Protein backbone atom coordinates (compact mmCIF):
# COMPACT_ATOMS: atom_id res chain seq x y z
CA MET A 1 49.15 23.98 -38.97
CA ARG A 2 50.83 21.51 -36.61
CA ARG A 3 52.97 24.30 -35.19
CA LEU A 4 49.92 26.47 -34.58
CA ALA A 5 48.18 23.55 -32.84
CA ARG A 6 51.12 23.28 -30.45
CA LEU A 7 50.91 26.90 -29.26
CA PRO A 8 47.96 26.53 -26.83
CA LEU A 9 49.57 23.52 -25.14
CA ALA A 10 52.94 25.24 -24.83
CA ALA A 11 51.35 28.43 -23.49
CA ALA A 12 49.26 26.46 -20.97
CA LEU A 13 52.33 24.65 -19.65
CA LEU A 14 54.25 27.92 -19.30
CA LEU A 15 51.38 29.66 -17.51
CA ALA A 16 50.86 26.75 -15.13
CA LEU A 17 54.55 26.54 -14.32
CA GLY A 18 54.61 30.31 -13.82
CA ALA A 19 51.73 30.10 -11.33
CA LEU A 20 53.57 27.39 -9.40
CA ALA A 21 56.79 29.41 -9.39
CA LEU A 22 55.04 32.59 -8.20
CA THR A 23 53.33 30.71 -5.37
CA ALA A 24 56.62 29.13 -4.30
CA PHE A 25 58.32 32.55 -4.34
CA ALA A 26 55.53 34.05 -2.23
CA ALA A 27 55.74 31.19 0.25
CA LEU A 28 59.45 31.87 0.70
CA TYR A 29 59.72 35.65 0.50
CA ALA A 30 56.34 37.36 0.94
CA PRO A 31 56.19 39.42 4.17
CA HIS A 32 54.13 38.28 7.12
CA PRO A 33 53.53 40.49 10.18
CA GLY A 34 54.03 37.66 12.64
CA ILE A 35 57.43 36.54 11.32
CA PRO A 36 60.67 38.06 12.67
CA ALA A 37 62.96 39.68 10.15
CA SER A 38 65.71 37.29 11.21
CA GLU A 39 63.93 34.30 9.70
CA PRO A 40 63.93 34.73 5.92
CA PRO A 41 63.59 33.07 3.47
CA ALA A 42 61.59 30.34 5.20
CA GLY A 43 59.66 32.65 7.52
CA ASN A 44 56.23 31.78 6.14
CA LEU A 45 57.02 28.08 6.31
CA LEU A 46 58.11 28.42 9.94
CA GLY A 47 55.11 30.57 10.78
CA ALA A 48 52.75 28.02 9.30
CA ALA A 49 54.45 25.15 11.11
CA ARG A 50 54.13 27.01 14.44
CA SER A 51 50.49 27.90 13.90
CA TYR A 52 48.03 25.77 15.85
CA LEU A 53 45.24 26.63 13.39
CA PHE A 54 47.40 25.49 10.47
CA ARG A 55 48.09 22.15 12.14
CA GLN A 56 44.41 21.83 13.09
CA ALA A 57 43.35 22.43 9.49
CA LEU A 58 45.88 19.84 8.31
CA ARG A 59 44.54 17.29 10.79
CA ASN A 60 40.94 17.98 9.69
CA THR A 61 41.96 17.71 6.04
CA LEU A 62 43.50 14.30 6.58
CA LEU A 63 40.42 13.11 8.47
CA VAL A 64 37.92 14.28 5.86
CA ALA A 65 40.08 13.10 2.94
CA ALA A 66 40.53 9.63 4.44
CA LEU A 67 36.79 9.24 5.02
CA VAL A 68 35.90 10.44 1.51
CA PHE A 69 38.43 8.13 -0.13
CA ALA A 70 37.31 5.14 1.94
CA LEU A 71 33.60 5.74 1.25
CA THR A 72 33.95 6.32 -2.49
CA PHE A 73 36.39 3.42 -2.90
CA ALA A 74 34.17 0.96 -1.02
CA ALA A 75 30.97 2.04 -2.75
CA THR A 76 32.55 1.93 -6.22
CA LEU A 77 34.10 -1.49 -5.60
CA LEU A 78 30.74 -2.82 -4.43
CA ARG A 79 28.95 -1.46 -7.50
CA LEU A 80 31.44 -2.77 -10.04
CA ARG A 81 31.74 -6.17 -8.40
CA LYS A 82 27.98 -6.54 -8.52
CA VAL A 83 27.29 -5.52 -12.14
CA PRO A 84 30.04 -5.66 -14.81
CA ALA A 85 30.44 -2.47 -16.83
CA ALA A 86 29.98 -4.25 -20.13
CA ARG A 87 26.41 -5.15 -19.11
CA ARG A 88 25.36 -1.69 -17.96
CA ALA A 89 22.29 -0.14 -19.60
CA TRP A 90 22.04 3.50 -18.58
CA SER A 91 18.63 4.88 -17.66
CA ALA A 92 17.09 8.09 -16.37
CA TRP A 93 17.37 6.65 -12.86
CA ASP A 94 21.11 6.23 -13.29
CA ALA A 95 21.34 9.85 -14.47
CA LEU A 96 19.43 11.01 -11.40
CA ALA A 97 21.75 9.02 -9.16
CA ALA A 98 24.72 10.73 -10.87
CA ALA A 99 23.17 14.23 -10.68
CA PRO A 100 24.92 15.30 -7.42
CA LEU A 101 28.26 15.30 -9.24
CA PHE A 102 27.05 18.10 -11.51
CA LEU A 103 25.80 20.33 -8.70
CA PRO A 104 27.79 23.45 -7.80
CA ALA A 105 29.49 22.98 -4.44
CA PRO A 106 27.26 25.57 -2.65
CA ALA A 107 24.12 23.81 -3.88
CA THR A 108 25.33 20.62 -2.22
CA ALA A 109 26.02 22.48 1.01
CA LEU A 110 22.64 24.24 0.98
CA LEU A 111 20.84 20.95 0.35
CA TRP A 112 22.32 19.37 3.47
CA ARG A 113 22.67 22.39 5.75
CA PRO A 114 19.35 21.93 7.58
CA LEU A 115 20.83 18.72 8.96
CA PHE A 116 23.76 20.68 10.44
CA ASP A 117 21.41 23.09 12.17
CA HIS A 118 20.65 20.31 14.66
CA ILE A 119 24.30 19.59 15.51
CA ASP A 120 26.02 21.15 18.50
CA LEU A 121 29.14 22.33 16.70
CA ALA A 122 30.58 23.87 19.85
CA ASN A 123 30.93 20.48 21.53
CA ARG A 124 31.09 18.01 18.63
CA PRO A 125 33.40 19.33 15.90
CA ASP A 126 34.59 15.83 14.96
CA LEU A 127 31.00 14.73 14.31
CA ALA A 128 30.53 17.78 12.11
CA LEU A 129 33.66 16.89 10.12
CA ALA A 130 32.47 13.30 9.70
CA LEU A 131 29.13 14.56 8.35
CA VAL A 132 30.99 16.94 6.02
CA ALA A 133 32.89 13.93 4.68
CA LEU A 134 29.57 12.13 4.10
CA VAL A 135 28.29 15.14 2.16
CA PHE A 136 31.44 15.16 0.03
CA ALA A 137 31.06 11.43 -0.61
CA TRP A 138 27.37 11.89 -1.53
CA ARG A 139 28.34 14.45 -4.13
CA LEU A 140 31.43 12.72 -5.53
CA LEU A 141 30.40 9.05 -5.51
CA PRO A 142 28.82 9.45 -9.00
CA LEU A 143 32.37 9.74 -10.33
CA SER A 144 32.17 5.95 -10.36
CA PHE A 145 29.54 6.17 -13.12
CA LEU A 146 31.94 8.12 -15.33
CA VAL A 147 34.92 5.90 -14.54
CA GLU A 148 32.78 2.86 -15.32
CA ARG A 149 31.53 4.49 -18.53
CA MET A 150 34.95 5.50 -19.86
CA ALA A 151 36.99 2.51 -18.67
CA GLU A 152 34.89 -0.54 -19.38
CA HIS A 153 37.95 -2.82 -19.42
CA ALA A 154 39.40 -1.65 -16.11
CA SER A 155 39.47 -4.06 -13.20
CA ALA A 156 37.04 -3.27 -10.41
CA PRO A 157 39.74 -2.48 -7.80
CA ARG A 158 41.60 -0.21 -10.23
CA ALA A 159 38.40 1.64 -11.16
CA ALA A 160 37.54 2.02 -7.46
CA ILE A 161 40.99 3.48 -6.72
CA VAL A 162 40.68 5.91 -9.65
CA THR A 163 37.28 7.03 -8.37
CA GLY A 164 38.58 7.44 -4.82
CA LEU A 165 41.61 9.46 -5.93
CA ALA A 166 39.52 11.75 -8.16
CA ALA A 167 37.07 12.30 -5.29
CA LEU A 168 40.00 12.95 -2.95
CA TRP A 169 41.42 15.65 -5.25
CA LEU A 170 38.09 17.44 -5.65
CA THR A 171 37.56 17.26 -1.88
CA LEU A 172 40.91 18.90 -1.18
CA LEU A 173 40.04 21.79 -3.52
CA ASP A 174 36.54 22.47 -2.17
CA ALA A 175 36.42 25.30 0.35
CA GLY A 176 32.85 26.43 -0.28
CA THR A 177 31.04 23.32 0.94
CA LEU A 178 32.66 23.31 4.37
CA LEU A 179 32.36 27.09 4.82
CA LEU A 180 28.62 26.93 4.17
CA LEU A 181 28.08 23.85 6.36
CA THR A 182 30.13 24.76 9.43
CA GLY A 183 31.77 28.13 8.73
CA GLY A 184 34.90 26.67 10.31
CA GLN A 185 33.24 26.92 13.72
CA PRO A 186 33.60 26.58 16.60
CA PHE A 187 36.62 28.87 16.86
CA ASN A 188 38.05 27.71 13.50
CA ALA A 189 38.12 24.10 14.74
CA THR A 190 36.48 22.61 11.62
CA HIS A 191 38.50 24.32 8.90
CA VAL A 192 40.24 22.19 6.30
CA TRP A 193 43.25 23.32 4.30
CA ALA A 194 41.27 24.73 1.37
CA SER A 195 38.89 26.76 3.55
CA TRP A 196 41.69 28.00 5.81
CA ALA A 197 43.76 29.03 2.79
CA PHE A 198 40.74 30.95 1.46
CA HIS A 199 40.29 32.64 4.85
CA THR A 200 43.99 33.47 5.12
CA VAL A 201 44.39 34.92 1.64
CA TRP A 202 41.02 36.56 0.98
CA VAL A 203 39.86 37.56 4.47
CA SER A 204 43.16 38.16 6.29
CA ARG A 205 45.04 39.21 3.13
CA LEU A 206 48.16 37.27 4.19
CA TRP A 207 49.42 36.13 0.80
CA GLY A 208 52.70 34.67 2.04
CA HIS A 209 51.13 32.52 4.73
CA GLY A 210 48.33 31.47 2.40
CA ALA A 211 50.86 30.58 -0.30
CA VAL A 212 52.26 27.89 2.00
CA MET A 213 48.86 26.23 2.22
CA LEU A 214 48.24 26.64 -1.49
CA GLY A 215 51.61 25.06 -2.10
CA GLY A 216 50.51 22.13 0.04
CA LEU A 217 47.38 21.74 -2.07
CA ALA A 218 49.53 21.88 -5.20
CA ALA A 219 51.85 19.19 -3.80
CA ALA A 220 48.84 16.99 -3.02
CA GLY A 221 47.65 17.56 -6.59
CA VAL A 222 51.03 16.38 -7.90
CA LEU A 223 50.85 13.12 -5.92
CA ILE A 224 47.21 12.38 -6.75
CA ALA A 225 47.54 13.31 -10.43
CA GLY A 226 50.68 11.20 -10.78
CA LEU A 227 48.90 8.17 -9.35
CA LEU A 228 45.84 8.78 -11.52
CA HIS A 229 47.99 9.03 -14.64
CA TYR A 230 49.70 5.75 -13.82
CA LEU A 231 46.42 3.92 -13.13
CA VAL A 232 44.69 5.27 -16.24
CA THR A 233 47.51 4.83 -18.75
CA HIS A 234 48.94 1.44 -17.76
CA PRO A 235 47.08 -1.55 -19.20
CA PRO A 236 44.56 -2.72 -16.59
CA GLY A 237 42.92 -6.09 -16.26
CA ARG A 238 39.36 -6.69 -17.37
CA ILE A 239 36.43 -6.72 -14.98
CA THR A 240 35.66 -10.22 -13.82
CA PRO A 241 32.24 -11.23 -15.23
CA ALA A 242 29.51 -12.10 -12.80
CA ALA A 243 28.66 -15.74 -12.30
CA SER A 244 25.13 -15.18 -13.61
CA PRO A 245 23.68 -12.57 -15.97
CA ALA A 246 22.72 -9.25 -14.44
CA PRO A 247 19.01 -9.15 -13.55
CA ARG A 248 16.66 -7.15 -15.75
CA VAL A 249 15.38 -5.08 -12.83
CA ARG A 250 18.03 -3.86 -10.41
CA LEU A 251 17.47 -1.91 -7.23
CA ALA A 252 20.75 0.02 -7.43
CA PRO A 253 19.57 2.79 -9.84
CA TYR A 254 16.42 3.36 -7.82
CA LEU A 255 18.30 3.43 -4.53
CA GLY A 256 20.83 5.85 -6.05
CA ALA A 257 18.05 8.11 -7.32
CA ALA A 258 16.37 8.05 -3.92
CA LEU A 259 19.67 8.95 -2.26
CA ALA A 260 20.13 11.85 -4.68
CA LEU A 261 16.68 13.21 -3.86
CA ALA A 262 16.90 12.58 -0.10
CA PRO A 263 18.18 16.04 0.95
CA LEU A 264 15.26 17.74 -0.84
CA THR A 265 13.00 16.40 1.90
CA LEU A 266 14.75 18.79 4.30
CA HIS A 267 13.42 21.70 2.20
CA ALA A 268 9.94 20.33 1.48
CA PRO A 269 8.13 22.85 3.77
CA HIS A 270 9.55 25.73 1.72
CA LEU A 271 8.83 24.49 -1.79
CA GLN A 272 5.18 25.63 -1.81
CA LEU A 273 4.32 23.61 -4.87
CA ALA A 274 0.83 25.12 -5.02
CA ALA A 275 2.11 28.69 -5.52
CA PRO A 276 5.69 28.77 -6.78
CA GLY A 277 5.28 32.05 -8.64
CA ALA A 278 6.47 34.30 -5.82
CA SER A 279 9.62 32.24 -5.20
CA LEU A 280 10.49 32.05 -8.89
CA ALA A 281 9.95 35.80 -9.24
CA GLY A 282 12.26 36.31 -6.27
CA LEU A 283 14.90 34.15 -7.96
CA MET A 284 14.67 36.28 -11.09
CA ARG A 285 15.14 39.47 -9.05
CA LEU A 286 18.16 37.99 -7.32
CA GLY A 287 19.71 37.12 -10.66
CA TYR A 288 19.56 33.30 -10.51
CA PHE A 289 19.16 32.99 -14.27
CA HIS A 290 22.02 35.44 -14.84
CA TRP A 291 24.19 33.21 -12.65
CA LEU A 292 23.10 30.18 -14.64
CA ALA A 293 23.90 31.90 -17.95
CA ASN A 294 27.31 32.95 -16.59
CA THR A 295 28.04 29.36 -15.57
CA VAL A 296 27.20 28.09 -19.06
CA PHE A 297 29.35 30.83 -20.61
CA VAL A 298 32.34 30.02 -18.37
CA TRP A 299 31.98 26.31 -19.10
CA LEU A 300 31.73 26.75 -22.87
CA LEU A 301 34.76 29.06 -22.97
CA ALA A 302 36.72 26.74 -20.66
CA TRP A 303 35.79 23.81 -22.93
CA LEU A 304 37.02 25.72 -25.98
CA ILE A 305 40.33 26.52 -24.27
CA ALA A 306 40.74 22.97 -22.98
CA ALA A 307 39.98 21.43 -26.39
CA ALA A 308 42.57 23.70 -28.06
CA ILE A 309 45.18 22.68 -25.48
CA ALA A 310 44.41 18.96 -25.60
CA ALA A 311 44.63 18.92 -29.40
CA GLY A 312 48.31 19.92 -29.40
CA ASP A 313 51.39 17.72 -29.34
CA LEU A 314 54.88 18.91 -28.40
CA SER A 315 56.79 15.66 -28.48
CA ARG A 316 57.64 12.69 -30.60
CA ALA A 317 56.58 9.19 -29.59
CA PRO A 318 59.54 8.37 -27.23
CA ARG A 319 58.82 11.45 -25.10
CA ARG A 320 55.04 11.45 -25.29
CA ASP A 321 54.52 9.55 -22.03
CA LEU A 322 56.76 11.93 -20.08
CA LEU A 323 55.01 14.98 -21.51
CA ALA A 324 51.60 13.45 -20.78
CA TRP A 325 52.58 12.82 -17.15
CA THR A 326 53.96 16.37 -16.85
CA ALA A 327 50.79 17.90 -18.28
CA VAL A 328 48.52 16.02 -15.87
CA VAL A 329 50.65 16.84 -12.83
CA VAL A 330 51.16 20.51 -13.69
CA GLY A 331 47.49 21.03 -14.58
CA ALA A 332 46.28 19.48 -11.32
CA ALA A 333 48.86 21.29 -9.19
CA ALA A 334 48.15 24.73 -10.69
CA TYR A 335 44.35 24.56 -10.51
CA PRO A 336 43.90 25.80 -6.89
CA LEU A 337 46.40 28.64 -7.48
CA TRP A 338 44.87 30.53 -10.42
CA PRO A 339 42.49 32.94 -8.61
CA TYR A 340 44.96 33.84 -5.90
CA VAL A 341 47.73 34.42 -8.44
CA ALA A 342 45.38 36.65 -10.45
CA THR A 343 44.75 38.84 -7.39
CA GLN A 344 48.49 39.55 -7.17
CA PHE A 345 48.18 41.50 -10.43
CA PRO A 346 45.69 44.30 -9.60
CA GLY A 347 45.45 45.43 -13.19
CA LEU A 348 44.45 41.95 -14.31
CA ALA A 349 41.83 41.40 -11.61
CA GLN A 350 40.31 44.88 -12.02
CA ASN A 351 40.35 45.32 -15.79
CA VAL A 352 39.59 41.81 -17.04
CA ASP A 353 36.12 40.30 -16.72
CA SER A 354 36.22 37.75 -13.90
CA ARG A 355 34.33 35.25 -16.08
CA LEU A 356 37.21 35.24 -18.55
CA ILE A 357 39.72 34.57 -15.76
CA LEU A 358 37.56 31.75 -14.40
CA ALA A 359 37.19 30.20 -17.84
CA GLY A 360 40.92 30.48 -18.44
CA ALA A 361 41.73 28.83 -15.10
CA ALA A 362 39.34 25.91 -15.62
CA GLY A 363 40.22 25.57 -19.30
CA ILE A 364 43.98 25.50 -18.83
CA SER A 365 43.91 22.89 -16.06
CA ALA A 366 41.21 20.81 -17.79
CA GLY A 367 43.10 20.93 -21.08
CA LEU A 368 46.40 19.85 -19.55
CA ILE A 369 44.77 16.99 -17.62
CA ALA A 370 42.78 15.82 -20.66
CA TYR A 371 45.86 16.04 -22.89
CA GLY A 372 47.87 13.89 -20.51
CA LEU A 373 45.21 11.23 -20.03
CA ALA A 374 44.01 11.07 -23.63
CA GLY A 375 47.42 11.47 -25.26
CA ALA A 376 48.96 8.56 -23.42
CA ARG A 377 46.05 6.31 -24.48
CA GLN A 378 46.04 7.65 -28.07
CA ALA A 379 42.35 8.52 -27.79
CA SER A 380 40.33 9.72 -30.77
CA ARG A 381 39.56 13.40 -31.27
CA TYR A 382 35.94 12.73 -30.38
CA THR A 383 37.02 11.27 -27.05
CA VAL A 384 39.31 14.25 -26.43
CA LEU A 385 36.34 16.59 -26.93
CA CYS A 386 34.25 14.53 -24.51
CA MET A 387 37.02 14.45 -21.90
CA THR A 388 37.66 18.19 -22.13
CA ALA A 389 33.94 18.97 -21.87
CA LEU A 390 33.61 16.82 -18.76
CA ALA A 391 36.81 18.07 -17.12
CA ALA A 392 35.89 21.71 -17.83
CA ALA A 393 32.42 21.16 -16.34
CA LEU A 394 33.72 19.55 -13.14
CA LEU A 395 36.35 22.24 -12.60
CA THR A 396 33.89 25.05 -13.36
CA LEU A 397 31.44 23.71 -10.79
CA ASN A 398 34.19 23.61 -8.14
CA GLN A 399 35.29 27.24 -8.47
CA THR A 400 33.29 28.72 -5.58
CA SER A 401 36.19 30.27 -3.70
CA ALA A 402 37.80 31.43 -6.96
CA GLN A 403 34.60 33.18 -8.01
CA ILE A 404 34.36 34.97 -4.68
CA VAL A 405 38.05 35.92 -4.61
CA LEU A 406 37.79 37.59 -8.04
CA GLU A 407 34.77 39.65 -6.87
CA GLY A 408 33.02 39.87 -10.22
CA GLY A 409 29.78 41.35 -8.86
CA ARG A 410 26.27 39.92 -8.65
CA ARG A 411 25.51 40.06 -12.39
CA ALA A 412 28.88 38.54 -13.30
CA TYR A 413 28.89 35.77 -10.70
CA PRO A 414 28.42 32.18 -11.89
CA LEU A 415 25.89 30.00 -10.12
CA ALA A 416 28.20 28.76 -7.35
CA ALA A 417 29.21 32.20 -6.08
CA GLY A 418 25.71 33.62 -6.47
CA MET A 419 24.14 30.86 -4.40
CA ALA A 420 26.86 31.09 -1.76
CA LEU A 421 26.66 34.87 -1.35
CA TYR A 422 22.99 35.68 -1.91
CA LEU A 423 20.96 32.57 -1.07
CA ALA A 424 22.89 31.04 1.83
CA GLU A 425 22.22 33.28 4.80
CA ALA A 426 19.04 35.31 4.27
CA PRO A 427 16.26 33.75 6.44
CA THR A 428 13.58 35.47 4.37
CA LEU A 429 14.65 33.64 1.20
CA ALA A 430 13.77 30.10 2.30
CA GLY A 431 11.32 29.64 -0.59
CA GLU A 432 13.72 31.04 -3.16
CA ARG A 433 16.51 28.87 -1.76
CA ALA A 434 14.39 25.71 -1.94
CA TRP A 435 13.27 26.40 -5.50
CA SER A 436 16.80 27.24 -6.62
CA LEU A 437 17.95 23.87 -5.26
CA LEU A 438 15.13 22.05 -7.03
CA LEU A 439 15.89 23.77 -10.34
CA THR A 440 19.64 23.22 -9.98
CA LEU A 441 19.17 19.54 -9.21
CA GLY A 442 16.95 19.20 -12.27
CA LEU A 443 19.58 20.80 -14.49
CA ALA A 444 22.25 18.56 -12.94
CA TRP A 445 20.04 15.56 -13.81
CA LEU A 446 20.02 16.62 -17.47
CA ALA A 447 23.80 17.18 -17.45
CA ALA A 448 24.41 13.76 -15.87
CA GLY A 449 22.18 12.09 -18.45
CA ALA A 450 24.14 13.72 -21.26
CA ALA A 451 27.46 12.67 -19.71
CA LEU A 452 26.38 9.03 -19.30
CA ARG A 453 25.00 8.71 -22.82
CA VAL A 454 28.07 10.09 -24.59
CA ARG A 455 29.93 7.45 -26.59
CA HIS A 456 33.49 6.90 -25.34
CA ASP A 457 35.93 5.26 -27.72
CA VAL A 458 39.22 5.64 -25.86
CA ASP A 459 40.92 2.81 -27.70
CA GLN A 460 40.58 4.28 -31.18
CA PRO A 461 43.65 6.22 -32.40
CA ARG A 462 43.61 9.90 -33.09
């Protein structure tokens, strides 16, 4: 039985390493029409380095990433310094404040897009990028709730760094939010690396050039995942208790809940609370509930795959730490590559249900990351199940570009792709769009409540 339990983990490592190797090969040898034949094997690398748009996307990525890290780090540090984790009592208001984390990326963009309609993108691209960073921070700040919940004995600065790094990684992977907020305009001046890689590979069909950018995202994943593994697995200090007991009534949960609901006010004229029937019927015709069911299916299958991977063990005690670090790094690095690698095998992309590919991509990366983080801490099996469920959910909700690249069709799209493709642009669907956002935020509230109330016992052995 132990040998059978090792097979999923071994297969996941081999597949992830294969995806990294294929991307590296494409970056070096795939043809590109703008590269002279005299410049192999580094033609794509040279072409990317000479491209103004590539350098512009890199500069924008660094700007947005720095702002997101700074905002999430500062906000998390302020929260944990104010109220020690051991004294936290989770409520429905806390769950509502954490709800943005469980929104699909397009839902976040659609919630805030009316604000961008009043910005002159042609003349103020840097302002648009700063507001995009604020939207990312609004969505990813609730990671601090989960870090606080699962690491009650971590020092406040360490927990804030972990939150900032996790938010940074998810920001680097998210192409859908920026594409829906700015579209990369004006003249591709607001693209970040993820959105420009999506445009290069899926729109321009330049796999070699796009592989260079995907390789950059993978390299960033290696650095961030390595730091996260070190911070999570090395014994941290305890949170310093407050000088006086935490007050019974705190404003923080209510302020967080109000901040989570704030963007709904931008859609209030379209909610039509007196007669929602027409909008809900329109959502049913569009397939909103099919998208929702597909999302749940992809998440459950990804969770199953991730749990099977995280339950394995390939090493004895002296090598466990090295294997755990390798699993985290490889899982994080391979995650942005899966959909683009799948498109390089036409038979796979055309003959296999896109939902299965999406579940496999999220499940493999979530399983490897959970194995590395839980294995090094010797977490219980219950904790491993909780970690894989959470990791699979977060990765599934951040698969917008992957879902579009695989072109599953309207009835096979999960919620993120369906909202991005069918609810984003149509001006006649303002009511349906507003109601879909309200329903999605309500479901995210329930998911956040479940995540915060799960018991985490990371210090109990398996």
